[in-house]
Amino acid sequence: VFLEAFSFRSVVLTTAVAEQGTTGMTVYQQGGLIRVALPVVEPGADLFLYDALGRQLKHVAVSDQLVEFNGADLPAGAYTVVLHNEQGIAPVRFVRE
């Protein structure tokens, strides 16, 4: 039932395999660590992690092209990493298995 209600047609939905969204941002997992590779670093950019219900779980101020945070406490499910910068908002979805 959950699979019927959730749209999997997104081109930026990922699994444990590294995936690049249309933004040039890549999200990949290594054990409990979640890494987000950004094409460029812009001053004042922020990275947010949301669960499938839209709850904000993490907020990281971007200071490098590779942002890492601990995801070991995250249960299996669908998540969205969102980059907020001067150009707007860039989301990339991934699945934690």
C-alpha atoms as a PDB file:
ATOM      1  CA  VAL A   1       0.000   0.000   0.000  1.00  0.00           C
ATOM      2  CA  PHE A   2       2.828   2.416   0.837  1.00  0.00           C
ATOM      3  CA  LEU A   3       4.441   1.831  -2.550  1.00  0.00           C
ATOM      4  CA  GLU A   4       1.196   2.699  -4.302  1.00  0.00           C
ATOM      5  CA  ALA A   5       0.875   5.981  -2.422  1.00  0.00           C
ATOM      6  CA  PHE A   6       4.472   7.119  -2.910  1.00  0.00           C
ATOM      7  CA  SER A   7       5.595   8.293  -6.328  1.00  0.00           C
ATOM      8  CA  PHE A   8       8.813   6.659  -7.513  1.00  0.00           C
ATOM      9  CA  ARG A   9       8.874   8.516 -10.826  1.00  0.00           C
ATOM     10  CA  SER A  10      11.471  11.018  -9.651  1.00  0.00           C
ATOM     11  CA  VAL A  11      14.696  11.049 -11.639  1.00  0.00           C
ATOM     12  CA  VAL A  12      16.630  11.853  -8.454  1.00  0.00           C
ATOM     13  CA  LEU A  13      15.493   8.920  -6.300  1.00  0.00           C
ATOM     14  CA  THR A  14      18.521   6.916  -5.238  1.00  0.00           C
ATOM     15  CA  THR A  15      19.397   3.750  -3.392  1.00  0.00           C
ATOM     16  CA  ALA A  16      22.707   2.877  -1.787  1.00  0.00           C
ATOM     17  CA  VAL A  17      24.304   3.432  -5.202  1.00  0.00           C
ATOM     18  CA  ALA A  18      25.677   6.951  -5.702  1.00  0.00           C
ATOM     19  CA  GLU A  19      23.252   9.019  -7.733  1.00  0.00           C
ATOM     20  CA  GLN A  20      23.502  12.439  -9.282  1.00  0.00           C
ATOM     21  CA  GLY A  21      20.435  14.612  -9.546  1.00  0.00           C
ATOM     22  CA  THR A  22      19.756  17.268 -12.143  1.00  0.00           C
ATOM     23  CA  THR A  23      21.430  19.779  -9.798  1.00  0.00           C
ATOM     24  CA  GLY A  24      24.886  18.215 -10.098  1.00  0.00           C
ATOM     25  CA  MET A  25      24.666  17.268  -6.427  1.00  0.00           C
ATOM     26  CA  THR A  26      25.526  13.642  -5.611  1.00  0.00           C
ATOM     27  CA  VAL A  27      24.350  11.768  -2.495  1.00  0.00           C
ATOM     28  CA  TYR A  28      25.922   8.489  -1.474  1.00  0.00           C
ATOM     29  CA  GLN A  29      26.115   6.374   1.654  1.00  0.00           C
ATOM     30  CA  GLN A  30      29.036   4.580   3.187  1.00  0.00           C
ATOM     31  CA  GLY A  31      28.018   2.627   6.252  1.00  0.00           C
ATOM     32  CA  GLY A  32      26.350   5.083   8.625  1.00  0.00           C
ATOM     33  CA  LEU A  33      27.920   8.085   6.918  1.00  0.00           C
ATOM     34  CA  ILE A  34      25.965  10.091   4.357  1.00  0.00           C
ATOM     35  CA  ARG A  35      28.033  12.169   1.938  1.00  0.00           C
ATOM     36  CA  VAL A  36      26.796  14.927  -0.318  1.00  0.00           C
ATOM     37  CA  ALA A  37      29.131  16.083  -3.090  1.00  0.00           C
ATOM     38  CA  LEU A  38      28.382  19.545  -4.452  1.00  0.00           C
ATOM     39  CA  PRO A  39      29.523  20.865  -7.844  1.00  0.00           C
ATOM     40  CA  VAL A  40      30.487  24.259  -6.336  1.00  0.00           C
ATOM     41  CA  VAL A  41      30.467  25.867  -2.907  1.00  0.00           C
ATOM     42  CA  GLU A  42      28.605  29.141  -2.575  1.00  0.00           C
ATOM     43  CA  PRO A  43      28.864  31.420   0.450  1.00  0.00           C
ATOM     44  CA  GLY A  44      25.800  31.205   2.660  1.00  0.00           C
ATOM     45  CA  ALA A  45      24.580  27.857   1.287  1.00  0.00           C
ATOM     46  CA  ASP A  46      22.801  25.475   3.653  1.00  0.00           C
ATOM     47  CA  LEU A  47      22.053  21.776   3.378  1.00  0.00           C
ATOM     48  CA  PHE A  48      18.930  20.271   4.944  1.00  0.00           C
ATOM     49  CA  LEU A  49      17.859  16.649   5.404  1.00  0.00           C
ATOM     50  CA  TYR A  50      14.144  15.829   5.440  1.00  0.00           C
ATOM     51  CA  ASP A  51      12.340  12.540   5.962  1.00  0.00           C
ATOM     52  CA  ALA A  52       9.485  11.292   3.754  1.00  0.00           C
ATOM     53  CA  LEU A  53       6.965  13.198   5.901  1.00  0.00           C
ATOM     54  CA  GLY A  54       8.781  16.481   5.364  1.00  0.00           C
ATOM     55  CA  ARG A  55      10.254  16.755   8.860  1.00  0.00           C
ATOM     56  CA  GLN A  56      13.634  18.492   9.011  1.00  0.00           C
ATOM     57  CA  LEU A  57      16.167  16.115  10.555  1.00  0.00           C
ATOM     58  CA  LYS A  58      19.489  17.873   9.983  1.00  0.00           C
ATOM     59  CA  HIS A  59      20.847  21.272   8.981  1.00  0.00           C
ATOM     60  CA  VAL A  60      24.446  21.826   7.905  1.00  0.00           C
ATOM     61  CA  ALA A  61      26.072  25.095   6.834  1.00  0.00           C
ATOM     62  CA  VAL A  62      28.018  24.311   3.651  1.00  0.00           C
ATOM     63  CA  SER A  63      31.713  25.167   3.784  1.00  0.00           C
ATOM     64  CA  ASP A  64      33.196  22.544   1.450  1.00  0.00           C
ATOM     65  CA  GLN A  65      32.271  20.666  -1.734  1.00  0.00           C
ATOM     66  CA  LEU A  66      31.920  17.452   0.289  1.00  0.00           C
ATOM     67  CA  VAL A  67      29.436  17.571   3.155  1.00  0.00           C
ATOM     68  CA  GLU A  68      29.339  14.575   5.499  1.00  0.00           C
ATOM     69  CA  PHE A  69      26.989  13.781   8.337  1.00  0.00           C
ATOM     70  CA  ASN A  70      26.177  10.801  10.504  1.00  0.00           C
ATOM     71  CA  GLY A  71      23.154   8.902   9.238  1.00  0.00           C
ATOM     72  CA  ALA A  72      23.554   5.845  11.477  1.00  0.00           C
ATOM     73  CA  ASP A  73      20.593   6.966  13.569  1.00  0.00           C
ATOM     74  CA  LEU A  74      18.298   7.188  10.527  1.00  0.00           C
ATOM     75  CA  PRO A  75      15.898   4.282  10.034  1.00  0.00           C
ATOM     76  CA  ALA A  76      15.413   2.726   6.601  1.00  0.00           C
ATOM     77  CA  GLY A  77      13.250   4.916   4.386  1.00  0.00           C
ATOM     78  CA  ALA A  78      13.111   7.700   1.824  1.00  0.00           C
ATOM     79  CA  TYR A  79      14.887  10.990   2.506  1.00  0.00           C
ATOM     80  CA  THR A  80      15.487  14.259   0.686  1.00  0.00           C
ATOM     81  CA  VAL A  81      18.642  16.353   0.847  1.00  0.00           C
ATOM     82  CA  VAL A  82      17.932  19.976  -0.071  1.00  0.00           C
ATOM     83  CA  LEU A  83      20.534  22.595  -0.905  1.00  0.00           C
ATOM     84  CA  HIS A  84      19.435  26.199  -0.282  1.00  0.00           C
ATOM     85  CA  ASN A  85      21.613  28.805  -1.971  1.00  0.00           C
ATOM     86  CA  GLU A  86      21.343  32.084  -3.880  1.00  0.00           C
ATOM     87  CA  GLN A  87      20.089  30.270  -6.985  1.00  0.00           C
ATOM     88  CA  GLY A  88      17.185  28.723  -5.077  1.00  0.00           C
ATOM     89  CA  ILE A  89      16.449  25.233  -3.824  1.00  0.00           C
ATOM     90  CA  ALA A  90      17.902  21.982  -5.188  1.00  0.00           C
ATOM     91  CA  PRO A  91      16.485  18.675  -3.853  1.00  0.00           C
ATOM     92  CA  VAL A  92      17.920  15.172  -4.263  1.00  0.00           C
ATOM     93  CA  ARG A  93      16.066  12.143  -2.922  1.00  0.00           C
ATOM     94  CA  PHE A  94      17.659   8.926  -1.693  1.00  0.00           C
ATOM     95  CA  VAL A  95      16.623   5.709   0.030  1.00  0.00           C
ATOM     96  CA  ARG A  96      18.341   4.482   3.170  1.00  0.00           C
ATOM     97  CA  GLU A  97      18.232   0.681   3.240  1.00  0.00           C
END
